[in-house]
Protein backbone atom coordinates (compact mmCIF):
# COMPACT_ATOMS: atom_id res chain seq x y z
CA MET A 1 -14.77 26.40 -3.85
CA ALA A 2 -15.67 22.75 -4.48
CA GLU A 3 -18.03 20.87 -2.20
CA SER A 4 -16.16 19.05 0.55
CA ILE A 5 -16.50 15.27 0.67
CA TYR A 6 -14.56 14.91 3.94
CA SER A 7 -12.27 17.00 6.08
CA THR A 8 -10.10 16.35 9.09
CA THR A 9 -7.98 18.48 11.36
CA MET A 10 -4.70 17.74 13.14
CA ILE A 11 -2.85 19.85 15.66
CA SER A 12 0.95 19.83 16.02
CA ASN A 13 3.00 21.15 18.88
CA GLY A 14 6.68 20.77 19.62
CA GLY A 15 7.74 20.38 15.97
CA ARG A 16 9.70 17.25 15.06
CA ASP A 17 10.09 16.32 18.74
CA GLY A 18 6.53 17.05 19.78
CA ARG A 19 3.25 15.41 18.97
CA VAL A 20 0.34 15.52 16.57
CA PHE A 21 -3.24 14.94 17.60
CA SER A 22 -6.82 15.36 16.47
CA PRO A 23 -9.03 17.82 18.35
CA ASP A 24 -11.16 14.90 19.62
CA ASN A 25 -8.02 12.92 20.62
CA THR A 26 -8.96 9.87 18.51
CA PHE A 27 -5.48 10.21 16.97
CA VAL A 28 -2.50 11.04 19.17
CA GLN A 29 1.07 10.41 18.04
CA ASN A 30 4.37 11.42 19.61
CA LEU A 31 7.10 12.54 17.22
CA ALA A 32 10.86 12.13 17.32
CA THR A 33 13.55 13.41 14.99
CA PRO A 34 15.30 10.40 13.37
CA LYS A 35 18.88 9.67 14.44
CA GLU A 36 19.93 10.18 10.81
CA MET A 37 18.88 13.79 11.22
CA GLY A 38 20.62 14.30 14.55
CA GLY A 39 17.67 13.40 16.77
CA GLN A 40 17.08 10.81 19.45
CA GLY A 41 15.12 8.46 17.20
CA GLY A 42 13.37 5.79 19.19
CA ASN A 43 9.90 4.33 18.85
CA ASP A 44 8.07 7.50 17.90
CA THR A 45 7.23 8.47 14.34
CA ASN A 46 8.16 11.47 12.20
CA PRO A 47 6.44 13.60 9.56
CA GLU A 48 7.91 11.59 6.67
CA GLN A 49 6.50 8.33 8.06
CA LEU A 50 3.10 9.93 8.56
CA PHE A 51 3.15 11.24 4.98
CA ALA A 52 4.23 7.83 3.65
CA ALA A 53 1.46 6.07 5.59
CA GLY A 54 -1.23 8.41 4.28
CA TYR A 55 0.06 8.39 0.71
CA ALA A 56 0.49 4.58 0.63
CA SER A 57 -3.03 4.02 1.96
CA CYS A 58 -4.62 6.51 -0.41
CA PHE A 59 -2.66 5.23 -3.41
CA ASN A 60 -3.53 1.61 -2.64
CA GLY A 61 -7.20 2.56 -2.47
CA ALA A 62 -6.95 4.30 -5.84
CA PHE A 63 -5.10 1.32 -7.36
CA ASP A 64 -7.71 -1.11 -6.02
CA LEU A 65 -10.51 1.04 -7.48
CA ILE A 66 -8.84 1.21 -10.91
CA LEU A 67 -8.30 -2.55 -10.93
CA LYS A 68 -11.96 -3.19 -10.06
CA GLN A 69 -13.12 -0.72 -12.72
CA ASN A 70 -11.07 -2.75 -15.22
CA LYS A 71 -12.68 -6.01 -14.07
CA VAL A 72 -9.48 -7.41 -12.51
CA ARG A 73 -10.65 -9.91 -9.90
CA ASP A 74 -8.75 -10.87 -6.72
CA ALA A 75 -5.92 -8.47 -7.54
CA GLU A 76 -4.92 -8.01 -3.88
CA PRO A 77 -2.87 -4.87 -4.58
CA GLU A 78 -0.08 -4.04 -2.15
CA VAL A 79 1.73 -0.69 -2.20
CA THR A 80 5.12 0.00 -0.66
CA LEU A 81 5.78 3.71 -0.63
CA THR A 82 9.17 5.15 0.30
CA VAL A 83 9.50 8.84 1.15
CA ARG A 84 12.94 10.42 1.08
CA LEU A 85 13.93 13.75 2.54
CA GLU A 86 16.84 14.90 0.39
CA ASP A 87 19.02 17.93 -0.20
CA ASP A 88 17.62 20.39 -2.70
CA PRO A 89 20.45 22.03 -4.66
CA ASP A 90 18.06 24.82 -5.71
CA ALA A 91 16.90 25.79 -2.21
CA GLU A 92 18.07 26.12 1.39
CA SER A 93 15.44 23.66 2.60
CA PRO A 94 15.30 19.93 1.78
CA LYS A 95 12.75 18.37 -0.58
CA LEU A 96 10.77 15.14 -0.73
CA SER A 97 10.85 12.38 -3.30
CA VAL A 98 8.76 9.22 -3.44
CA ASP A 99 9.11 5.68 -4.77
CA ILE A 100 5.86 3.77 -5.25
CA HIS A 101 6.29 0.03 -5.68
CA ALA A 102 3.12 -1.98 -6.18
CA LYS A 103 2.45 -5.70 -6.35
CA VAL A 104 -0.68 -7.04 -8.00
CA LYS A 105 -2.16 -10.44 -8.85
CA ASN A 106 -4.30 -11.65 -11.73
CA VAL A 107 -3.34 -8.96 -14.24
CA LEU A 108 -2.87 -10.33 -17.75
CA SER A 109 0.32 -8.47 -18.64
CA GLN A 110 3.01 -6.19 -17.27
CA GLU A 111 1.80 -3.55 -19.74
CA ASP A 112 -1.72 -3.70 -18.27
CA ALA A 113 -0.34 -3.49 -14.73
CA GLU A 114 1.71 -0.41 -15.64
CA LYS A 115 -1.34 1.24 -17.23
CA TYR A 116 -3.49 0.58 -14.16
CA LEU A 117 -0.74 1.91 -11.89
CA GLN A 118 -0.46 5.10 -13.96
CA ASP A 119 -4.26 5.45 -13.90
CA ALA A 120 -4.13 5.14 -10.09
CA HIS A 121 -1.42 7.80 -9.98
CA ASP A 122 -3.62 10.09 -12.10
CA PHE A 123 -6.60 9.46 -9.76
CA CYS A 124 -5.02 9.44 -6.27
CA PRO A 125 -5.60 12.72 -4.36
CA TYR A 126 -2.09 12.57 -2.83
CA SER A 127 -0.58 12.17 -6.30
CA LYS A 128 -2.65 15.09 -7.53
CA ALA A 129 -1.56 17.23 -4.59
CA THR A 130 2.13 16.53 -5.14
CA ARG A 131 2.18 16.40 -8.96
CA GLY A 132 4.94 18.62 -10.29
CA ASN A 133 6.25 19.29 -6.78
CA ILE A 134 8.12 16.08 -5.95
CA ASP A 135 9.85 13.38 -7.96
CA VAL A 136 7.76 10.18 -8.01
CA ASN A 137 9.04 6.87 -9.34
CA LEU A 138 6.37 4.27 -10.18
CA ASN A 139 7.04 0.55 -10.37
CA VAL A 140 4.65 -2.41 -10.48
CA GLU A 141 5.26 -6.15 -10.21
CA VAL A 142 2.78 -8.80 -11.30
CA VAL A 143 2.92 -11.66 -8.79
CA GLU A 144 1.34 -15.11 -8.64
């Protein structure tokens, strides 16, 4: 087993209409099934939003690191990550898919931006964990 760099623990009770929390209660979040899935919806979050938040943050960190390693200055990367829960024709349970749309400044070409985005996808621990398990669409936009 590889040496651990960091670990965290979360506890869930009540399923999609329950809550998740850390053992030390520094993170506590109520959950609600979205209306689109027959739930009450409201102001509480759901597992897909939590996954999207974690993946977007991790991916943006990886993208920023790759840009810095390639001497891109003031890139200000921004990642919008969309998680979809969709029917899986090959299984009884649904599956996830992800769209990753990034914006970046001060990159010389669209080709460079796409290479850096792919490098970030190769590096990001969330991307590694999901590789081959979910469909991921990558898109990057060079902005002024």
